[in-house]
Amino acid sequence: MCNMNNTSLSSGLEDYLEAIYIADIHKTQLKGAQLARNLNISRASVSEALSKLVAKELIKYESYGEIALTEKGKQEAIRVYHKHNILKEFFEKILLITPVEAESLGCKMEHIISKNILEKMRQYTLYISKHPEIIENYKQLTNYNK
C-alpha cells in the first residue's frame, strides 16, 4: 500500500468522495446507509471511511446524519470526478470502448494515472473531437461496425 500523509487519499476514499459529490450534483440527500447501498459496500466499511474523511476535513458527518462535503472535500471530489470523466471520454470516443467498460476502466485508472498523461489524453480527445474523420478512418481500418 502507498505511503499516505494526512492529505493523500486511498483509491477507496477517492471513490467515496466521488459518490458523495455525484449525490451533491443531483441535490440528493445522502446518509451512510444509502452510500453503502450505492457503492454495494457494508455499512461498517462506509462508517470507517466516513470517519477518515471527517478526520481529513473533507466531509461533515455525524452518525446517521446527512453527509456534506466541506469546501476542501468538494475541491478534491471535483478533481477525482474530472479525472474519471476524462478517462471515460477517452476510452469511449477515442478507443471506441463500450460505455459500461469505459466507466469501469475509468474508475480503476483514475487512481493511478499521472497528471501529465491525463492531460495528454484530455488534449488528444479534444483534438479528435475537432477532427471526426480520424475516428471514421480508424473505424474503417479496424472494421469497427462489423
N, C-alpha and C. Protein backbone atom coordinates (compact mmCIF):
# COMPACT_ATOMS: atom_id res chain seq x y z
N MET A 1 0.84 -1.18 0.00
CA MET A 1 0.00 0.00 0.00
C MET A 1 0.88 1.24 0.00
N CYS A 2 0.39 2.28 -0.59
CA CYS A 2 1.15 3.52 -0.70
C CYS A 2 1.31 4.19 0.65
N ASN A 3 2.39 4.91 0.80
CA ASN A 3 2.60 5.75 1.97
C ASN A 3 1.62 6.90 1.90
N MET A 4 0.89 7.12 2.98
CA MET A 4 -0.12 8.17 2.95
C MET A 4 0.13 9.19 4.05
N ASN A 5 0.09 10.47 3.68
CA ASN A 5 0.13 11.50 4.70
C ASN A 5 -1.30 11.95 4.96
N ASN A 6 -1.50 12.97 5.73
CA ASN A 6 -2.83 13.40 6.12
C ASN A 6 -3.67 13.88 4.94
N THR A 7 -3.06 14.33 3.87
CA THR A 7 -3.85 14.88 2.77
C THR A 7 -4.03 13.89 1.62
N SER A 8 -3.20 12.86 1.52
CA SER A 8 -3.37 11.92 0.41
C SER A 8 -4.53 10.98 0.70
N LEU A 9 -5.13 10.50 -0.36
CA LEU A 9 -6.29 9.63 -0.23
C LEU A 9 -6.05 8.31 -0.92
N SER A 10 -6.55 7.26 -0.32
CA SER A 10 -6.52 5.95 -0.97
C SER A 10 -7.54 5.97 -2.10
N SER A 11 -7.43 5.00 -2.99
CA SER A 11 -8.39 4.92 -4.08
C SER A 11 -9.80 4.72 -3.54
N GLY A 12 -9.94 3.98 -2.47
CA GLY A 12 -11.25 3.77 -1.87
C GLY A 12 -11.86 5.06 -1.36
N LEU A 13 -11.07 5.87 -0.67
CA LEU A 13 -11.59 7.15 -0.17
C LEU A 13 -11.93 8.09 -1.31
N GLU A 14 -11.16 8.04 -2.38
CA GLU A 14 -11.50 8.84 -3.56
C GLU A 14 -12.85 8.41 -4.12
N ASP A 15 -13.11 7.10 -4.14
CA ASP A 15 -14.39 6.60 -4.63
C ASP A 15 -15.55 7.11 -3.77
N TYR A 16 -15.35 7.12 -2.46
CA TYR A 16 -16.39 7.65 -1.56
C TYR A 16 -16.65 9.13 -1.86
N LEU A 17 -15.57 9.90 -1.97
CA LEU A 17 -15.73 11.33 -2.25
C LEU A 17 -16.48 11.55 -3.56
N GLU A 18 -16.12 10.79 -4.57
CA GLU A 18 -16.77 10.94 -5.87
C GLU A 18 -18.26 10.61 -5.77
N ALA A 19 -18.60 9.54 -5.05
CA ALA A 19 -20.01 9.16 -4.89
C ALA A 19 -20.78 10.24 -4.13
N ILE A 20 -20.15 10.82 -3.12
CA ILE A 20 -20.79 11.91 -2.35
C ILE A 20 -20.98 13.12 -3.25
N TYR A 21 -19.98 13.41 -4.06
CA TYR A 21 -20.07 14.56 -4.98
C TYR A 21 -21.19 14.36 -6.01
N ILE A 22 -21.31 13.17 -6.55
CA ILE A 22 -22.36 12.89 -7.53
C ILE A 22 -23.74 13.08 -6.89
N ALA A 23 -23.90 12.63 -5.66
CA ALA A 23 -25.16 12.87 -4.94
C ALA A 23 -25.39 14.37 -4.78
N ASP A 24 -24.33 15.09 -4.47
CA ASP A 24 -24.42 16.54 -4.30
C ASP A 24 -24.83 17.23 -5.62
N ILE A 25 -24.25 16.80 -6.72
CA ILE A 25 -24.60 17.34 -8.03
C ILE A 25 -26.10 17.18 -8.29
N HIS A 26 -26.62 16.01 -7.93
CA HIS A 26 -28.03 15.70 -8.18
C HIS A 26 -28.94 16.19 -7.05
N LYS A 27 -28.36 16.95 -6.12
CA LYS A 27 -29.13 17.51 -5.00
C LYS A 27 -29.85 16.42 -4.20
N THR A 28 -29.19 15.27 -4.07
CA THR A 28 -29.73 14.13 -3.34
C THR A 28 -29.14 14.12 -1.94
N GLN A 29 -30.02 14.09 -0.94
CA GLN A 29 -29.53 13.96 0.43
C GLN A 29 -28.94 12.57 0.58
N LEU A 30 -27.79 12.48 1.21
CA LEU A 30 -27.08 11.21 1.30
C LEU A 30 -26.72 10.92 2.75
N LYS A 31 -27.09 9.74 3.20
CA LYS A 31 -26.71 9.25 4.52
C LYS A 31 -25.84 8.02 4.32
N GLY A 32 -25.19 7.59 5.39
CA GLY A 32 -24.26 6.47 5.31
C GLY A 32 -24.88 5.20 4.77
N ALA A 33 -26.09 4.89 5.20
CA ALA A 33 -26.75 3.66 4.74
C ALA A 33 -26.99 3.70 3.23
N GLN A 34 -27.41 4.85 2.73
CA GLN A 34 -27.65 4.98 1.29
C GLN A 34 -26.34 4.90 0.52
N LEU A 35 -25.29 5.51 1.05
CA LEU A 35 -23.98 5.43 0.40
C LEU A 35 -23.51 3.98 0.33
N ALA A 36 -23.73 3.23 1.42
CA ALA A 36 -23.36 1.81 1.43
C ALA A 36 -24.11 1.06 0.33
N ARG A 37 -25.41 1.34 0.17
CA ARG A 37 -26.19 0.69 -0.89
C ARG A 37 -25.69 1.11 -2.27
N ASN A 38 -25.42 2.40 -2.44
CA ASN A 38 -24.96 2.91 -3.74
C ASN A 38 -23.65 2.25 -4.17
N LEU A 39 -22.76 2.06 -3.21
CA LEU A 39 -21.43 1.51 -3.52
C LEU A 39 -21.37 0.00 -3.35
N ASN A 40 -22.48 -0.60 -2.87
CA ASN A 40 -22.54 -2.04 -2.61
C ASN A 40 -21.43 -2.47 -1.65
N ILE A 41 -21.35 -1.73 -0.55
CA ILE A 41 -20.32 -1.95 0.47
C ILE A 41 -21.01 -2.03 1.82
N SER A 42 -20.42 -2.75 2.76
CA SER A 42 -21.04 -2.89 4.07
C SER A 42 -21.14 -1.55 4.79
N ARG A 43 -22.13 -1.43 5.63
CA ARG A 43 -22.35 -0.20 6.41
C ARG A 43 -21.14 0.07 7.31
N ALA A 44 -20.53 -0.98 7.86
CA ALA A 44 -19.36 -0.81 8.72
C ALA A 44 -18.18 -0.21 7.95
N SER A 45 -17.98 -0.69 6.73
CA SER A 45 -16.90 -0.14 5.90
C SER A 45 -17.14 1.32 5.58
N VAL A 46 -18.40 1.66 5.29
CA VAL A 46 -18.74 3.04 4.98
C VAL A 46 -18.50 3.92 6.21
N SER A 47 -18.92 3.45 7.38
CA SER A 47 -18.71 4.23 8.61
C SER A 47 -17.24 4.51 8.85
N GLU A 48 -16.41 3.51 8.64
CA GLU A 48 -14.96 3.68 8.81
C GLU A 48 -14.40 4.70 7.83
N ALA A 49 -14.82 4.59 6.57
CA ALA A 49 -14.34 5.52 5.54
C ALA A 49 -14.82 6.94 5.83
N LEU A 50 -16.07 7.07 6.24
CA LEU A 50 -16.59 8.41 6.55
C LEU A 50 -15.83 9.04 7.71
N SER A 51 -15.47 8.24 8.69
CA SER A 51 -14.68 8.75 9.82
C SER A 51 -13.33 9.28 9.34
N LYS A 52 -12.71 8.58 8.41
CA LYS A 52 -11.43 9.02 7.85
C LYS A 52 -11.60 10.33 7.08
N LEU A 53 -12.69 10.43 6.31
CA LEU A 53 -12.93 11.65 5.54
C LEU A 53 -13.24 12.83 6.46
N VAL A 54 -13.91 12.59 7.57
CA VAL A 54 -14.15 13.64 8.56
C VAL A 54 -12.82 14.09 9.16
N ALA A 55 -11.96 13.11 9.52
CA ALA A 55 -10.65 13.43 10.11
C ALA A 55 -9.79 14.25 9.16
N LYS A 56 -9.95 14.03 7.87
CA LYS A 56 -9.19 14.78 6.86
C LYS A 56 -9.89 16.09 6.49
N GLU A 57 -11.00 16.36 7.16
CA GLU A 57 -11.78 17.59 6.96
C GLU A 57 -12.30 17.72 5.53
N LEU A 58 -12.70 16.58 4.95
CA LEU A 58 -13.23 16.58 3.60
C LEU A 58 -14.76 16.51 3.59
N ILE A 59 -15.34 16.00 4.67
CA ILE A 59 -16.79 15.95 4.79
C ILE A 59 -17.20 16.34 6.21
N LYS A 60 -18.49 16.68 6.31
CA LYS A 60 -19.14 16.87 7.61
C LYS A 60 -20.13 15.74 7.74
N TYR A 61 -20.05 15.02 8.87
CA TYR A 61 -20.93 13.87 9.04
C TYR A 61 -20.97 13.47 10.50
N GLU A 62 -22.16 13.19 10.98
CA GLU A 62 -22.36 12.60 12.30
C GLU A 62 -23.20 11.35 12.09
N SER A 63 -22.97 10.32 12.90
CA SER A 63 -23.66 9.05 12.73
C SER A 63 -25.14 9.22 12.42
N TYR A 64 -25.56 8.54 11.39
CA TYR A 64 -26.94 8.52 10.91
C TYR A 64 -27.42 9.86 10.35
N GLY A 65 -26.53 10.81 10.26
CA GLY A 65 -26.89 12.11 9.71
C GLY A 65 -26.57 12.19 8.23
N GLU A 66 -26.85 13.34 7.67
CA GLU A 66 -26.59 13.59 6.26
C GLU A 66 -25.10 13.87 6.05
N ILE A 67 -24.58 13.42 4.93
CA ILE A 67 -23.18 13.63 4.58
C ILE A 67 -23.08 14.89 3.73
N ALA A 68 -22.15 15.78 4.09
CA ALA A 68 -21.95 17.02 3.32
C ALA A 68 -20.46 17.21 3.07
N LEU A 69 -20.13 17.62 1.87
CA LEU A 69 -18.74 17.93 1.54
C LEU A 69 -18.34 19.27 2.14
N THR A 70 -17.13 19.34 2.64
CA THR A 70 -16.57 20.64 3.01
C THR A 70 -16.07 21.28 1.72
N GLU A 71 -15.66 22.52 1.78
CA GLU A 71 -15.12 23.16 0.57
C GLU A 71 -13.88 22.41 0.10
N LYS A 72 -13.02 22.03 1.04
CA LYS A 72 -11.82 21.27 0.70
C LYS A 72 -12.21 19.92 0.09
N GLY A 73 -13.22 19.27 0.65
CA GLY A 73 -13.70 17.99 0.15
C GLY A 73 -14.30 18.11 -1.24
N LYS A 74 -15.02 19.20 -1.45
CA LYS A 74 -15.64 19.41 -2.76
C LYS A 74 -14.57 19.58 -3.83
N GLN A 75 -13.51 20.33 -3.52
CA GLN A 75 -12.43 20.52 -4.49
C GLN A 75 -11.75 19.20 -4.82
N GLU A 76 -11.52 18.39 -3.81
CA GLU A 76 -10.89 17.08 -4.02
C GLU A 76 -11.82 16.16 -4.82
N ALA A 77 -13.10 16.18 -4.50
CA ALA A 77 -14.08 15.35 -5.21
C ALA A 77 -14.19 15.77 -6.67
N ILE A 78 -14.18 17.05 -6.93
CA ILE A 78 -14.23 17.55 -8.31
C ILE A 78 -13.02 17.07 -9.08
N ARG A 79 -11.86 17.10 -8.46
CA ARG A 79 -10.63 16.63 -9.10
C ARG A 79 -10.76 15.16 -9.52
N VAL A 80 -11.25 14.33 -8.62
CA VAL A 80 -11.42 12.90 -8.90
C VAL A 80 -12.48 12.70 -9.99
N TYR A 81 -13.58 13.40 -9.86
CA TYR A 81 -14.69 13.31 -10.81
C TYR A 81 -14.23 13.68 -12.23
N HIS A 82 -13.45 14.74 -12.33
CA HIS A 82 -12.97 15.16 -13.65
C HIS A 82 -11.99 14.15 -14.24
N LYS A 83 -11.12 13.60 -13.42
CA LYS A 83 -10.20 12.57 -13.92
C LYS A 83 -10.99 11.40 -14.49
N HIS A 84 -11.98 10.96 -13.74
CA HIS A 84 -12.80 9.84 -14.17
C HIS A 84 -13.47 10.13 -15.52
N ASN A 85 -14.02 11.32 -15.64
CA ASN A 85 -14.72 11.68 -16.88
C ASN A 85 -13.79 11.84 -18.07
N ILE A 86 -12.60 12.36 -17.85
CA ILE A 86 -11.62 12.48 -18.94
C ILE A 86 -11.25 11.08 -19.45
N LEU A 87 -11.01 10.17 -18.53
CA LEU A 87 -10.66 8.81 -18.91
C LEU A 87 -11.82 8.12 -19.63
N LYS A 88 -13.00 8.24 -19.07
CA LYS A 88 -14.18 7.61 -19.67
C LYS A 88 -14.40 8.13 -21.10
N GLU A 89 -14.29 9.43 -21.26
CA GLU A 89 -14.48 10.02 -22.59
C GLU A 89 -13.41 9.53 -23.57
N PHE A 90 -12.17 9.46 -23.12
CA PHE A 90 -11.08 8.96 -23.97
C PHE A 90 -11.37 7.52 -24.41
N PHE A 91 -11.74 6.68 -23.47
CA PHE A 91 -11.98 5.27 -23.80
C PHE A 91 -13.16 5.12 -24.76
N GLU A 92 -14.21 5.90 -24.55
CA GLU A 92 -15.39 5.80 -25.41
C GLU A 92 -15.16 6.42 -26.79
N LYS A 93 -14.66 7.66 -26.81
CA LYS A 93 -14.58 8.40 -28.07
C LYS A 93 -13.35 8.08 -28.90
N ILE A 94 -12.26 7.76 -28.26
CA ILE A 94 -11.02 7.51 -28.99
C ILE A 94 -10.80 6.02 -29.23
N LEU A 95 -10.95 5.22 -28.18
CA LEU A 95 -10.71 3.79 -28.33
C LEU A 95 -11.98 3.01 -28.68
N LEU A 96 -13.12 3.71 -28.68
CA LEU A 96 -14.41 3.13 -29.05
C LEU A 96 -14.80 1.95 -28.17
N ILE A 97 -14.50 2.07 -26.90
CA ILE A 97 -14.87 1.06 -25.91
C ILE A 97 -16.31 1.32 -25.49
N THR A 98 -17.04 0.28 -25.16
CA THR A 98 -18.44 0.44 -24.73
C THR A 98 -18.52 1.33 -23.49
N PRO A 99 -19.62 2.04 -23.33
CA PRO A 99 -19.77 2.91 -22.15
C PRO A 99 -19.61 2.17 -20.82
N VAL A 100 -20.12 0.96 -20.73
CA VAL A 100 -20.01 0.19 -19.48
C VAL A 100 -18.54 -0.12 -19.17
N GLU A 101 -17.81 -0.59 -20.17
CA GLU A 101 -16.40 -0.92 -19.96
C GLU A 101 -15.58 0.35 -19.72
N ALA A 102 -15.90 1.42 -20.44
CA ALA A 102 -15.19 2.70 -20.27
C ALA A 102 -15.39 3.23 -18.85
N GLU A 103 -16.62 3.11 -18.33
CA GLU A 103 -16.92 3.54 -16.97
C GLU A 103 -16.10 2.75 -15.95
N SER A 104 -16.10 1.45 -16.10
CA SER A 104 -15.38 0.58 -15.17
C SER A 104 -13.87 0.84 -15.21
N LEU A 105 -13.33 0.92 -16.40
CA LEU A 105 -11.89 1.16 -16.56
C LEU A 105 -11.50 2.55 -16.06
N GLY A 106 -12.33 3.54 -16.37
CA GLY A 106 -12.07 4.90 -15.89
C GLY A 106 -12.02 4.96 -14.38
N CYS A 107 -12.93 4.24 -13.73
CA CYS A 107 -12.99 4.21 -12.27
C CYS A 107 -11.71 3.60 -11.68
N LYS A 108 -11.17 2.60 -12.32
CA LYS A 108 -9.96 1.95 -11.84
C LYS A 108 -8.72 2.82 -12.09
N MET A 109 -8.64 3.38 -13.29
CA MET A 109 -7.43 4.11 -13.68
C MET A 109 -7.33 5.51 -13.08
N GLU A 110 -8.46 6.09 -12.67
CA GLU A 110 -8.42 7.45 -12.15
C GLU A 110 -7.51 7.58 -10.92
N HIS A 111 -7.26 6.46 -10.26
CA HIS A 111 -6.47 6.48 -9.03
C HIS A 111 -4.97 6.39 -9.27
N ILE A 112 -4.58 5.98 -10.47
CA ILE A 112 -3.16 5.73 -10.69
C ILE A 112 -2.54 6.57 -11.80
N ILE A 113 -3.36 7.22 -12.58
CA ILE A 113 -2.83 7.94 -13.75
C ILE A 113 -2.14 9.25 -13.34
N SER A 114 -1.07 9.56 -14.01
CA SER A 114 -0.36 10.81 -13.71
C SER A 114 -1.10 12.00 -14.31
N LYS A 115 -0.86 13.16 -13.75
CA LYS A 115 -1.46 14.39 -14.29
C LYS A 115 -1.03 14.62 -15.73
N ASN A 116 0.23 14.34 -16.01
CA ASN A 116 0.78 14.54 -17.35
C ASN A 116 0.05 13.68 -18.38
N ILE A 117 -0.09 12.40 -18.12
CA ILE A 117 -0.75 11.51 -19.07
C ILE A 117 -2.22 11.86 -19.19
N LEU A 118 -2.86 12.17 -18.08
CA LEU A 118 -4.27 12.55 -18.11
C LEU A 118 -4.48 13.79 -18.97
N GLU A 119 -3.60 14.76 -18.83
CA GLU A 119 -3.71 15.99 -19.63
C GLU A 119 -3.51 15.69 -21.11
N LYS A 120 -2.57 14.82 -21.44
CA LYS A 120 -2.36 14.45 -22.84
C LYS A 120 -3.58 13.73 -23.42
N MET A 121 -4.21 12.89 -22.61
CA MET A 121 -5.42 12.20 -23.05
C MET A 121 -6.56 13.21 -23.26
N ARG A 122 -6.68 14.17 -22.38
CA ARG A 122 -7.70 15.21 -22.50
C ARG A 122 -7.48 16.01 -23.78
N GLN A 123 -6.23 16.41 -24.01
CA GLN A 123 -5.92 17.20 -25.20
C GLN A 123 -6.16 16.39 -26.48
N TYR A 124 -5.79 15.13 -26.47
CA TYR A 124 -5.98 14.29 -27.65
C TYR A 124 -7.47 14.09 -27.94
N THR A 125 -8.24 13.87 -26.90
CA THR A 125 -9.69 13.71 -27.07
C THR A 125 -10.29 14.98 -27.66
N LEU A 126 -9.85 16.12 -27.16
CA LEU A 126 -10.33 17.40 -27.68
C LEU A 126 -9.93 17.55 -29.16
N TYR A 127 -8.69 17.22 -29.49
CA TYR A 127 -8.21 17.30 -30.87
C TYR A 127 -9.05 16.41 -31.79
N ILE A 128 -9.26 15.18 -31.37
CA ILE A 128 -10.02 14.23 -32.19
C ILE A 128 -11.46 14.69 -32.36
N SER A 129 -12.02 15.30 -31.32
CA SER A 129 -13.41 15.76 -31.44
C SER A 129 -13.55 16.84 -32.51
N LYS A 130 -12.45 17.53 -32.81
CA LYS A 130 -12.47 18.56 -33.87
C LYS A 130 -12.11 17.96 -35.23
N HIS A 131 -11.72 16.69 -35.25
CA HIS A 131 -11.34 16.00 -36.49
C HIS A 131 -11.99 14.62 -36.53
N PRO A 132 -13.31 14.57 -36.66
CA PRO A 132 -14.02 13.28 -36.61
C PRO A 132 -13.61 12.31 -37.73
N GLU A 133 -13.03 12.83 -38.78
CA GLU A 133 -12.60 11.95 -39.86
C GLU A 133 -11.53 10.95 -39.39
N ILE A 134 -10.78 11.32 -38.38
CA ILE A 134 -9.75 10.41 -37.85
C ILE A 134 -10.42 9.18 -37.25
N ILE A 135 -11.46 9.38 -36.48
CA ILE A 135 -12.18 8.26 -35.88
C ILE A 135 -12.87 7.43 -36.96
N GLU A 136 -13.42 8.08 -37.96
CA GLU A 136 -14.06 7.35 -39.06
C GLU A 136 -13.03 6.48 -39.78
N ASN A 137 -11.85 7.00 -40.03
CA ASN A 137 -10.77 6.21 -40.65
C ASN A 137 -10.37 5.04 -39.77
N TYR A 138 -10.30 5.29 -38.48
CA TYR A 138 -9.95 4.24 -37.52
C TYR A 138 -11.02 3.13 -37.54
N LYS A 139 -12.28 3.53 -37.57
CA LYS A 139 -13.37 2.55 -37.61
C LYS A 139 -13.26 1.67 -38.86
N GLN A 140 -12.94 2.30 -39.99
CA GLN A 140 -12.79 1.54 -41.24
C GLN A 140 -11.60 0.60 -41.16
N LEU A 141 -10.52 1.08 -40.62
CA LEU A 141 -9.30 0.29 -40.51
C LEU A 141 -9.53 -0.94 -39.64
N THR A 142 -10.29 -0.78 -38.57
CA THR A 142 -10.48 -1.87 -37.63
C THR A 142 -11.76 -2.66 -37.85
N ASN A 143 -12.49 -2.31 -38.94
CA ASN A 143 -13.79 -2.95 -39.20
C ASN A 143 -14.69 -2.87 -37.97
N TYR A 144 -14.71 -1.70 -37.38
CA TYR A 144 -15.42 -1.45 -36.11
C TYR A 144 -16.89 -1.83 -36.16
N ASN A 145 -17.58 -1.53 -37.21
CA ASN A 145 -19.01 -1.74 -37.26
C ASN A 145 -19.40 -3.15 -37.75
N LYS A 146 -18.44 -4.00 -37.94
CA LYS A 146 -18.75 -5.34 -38.46
C LYS A 146 -18.79 -6.37 -37.36
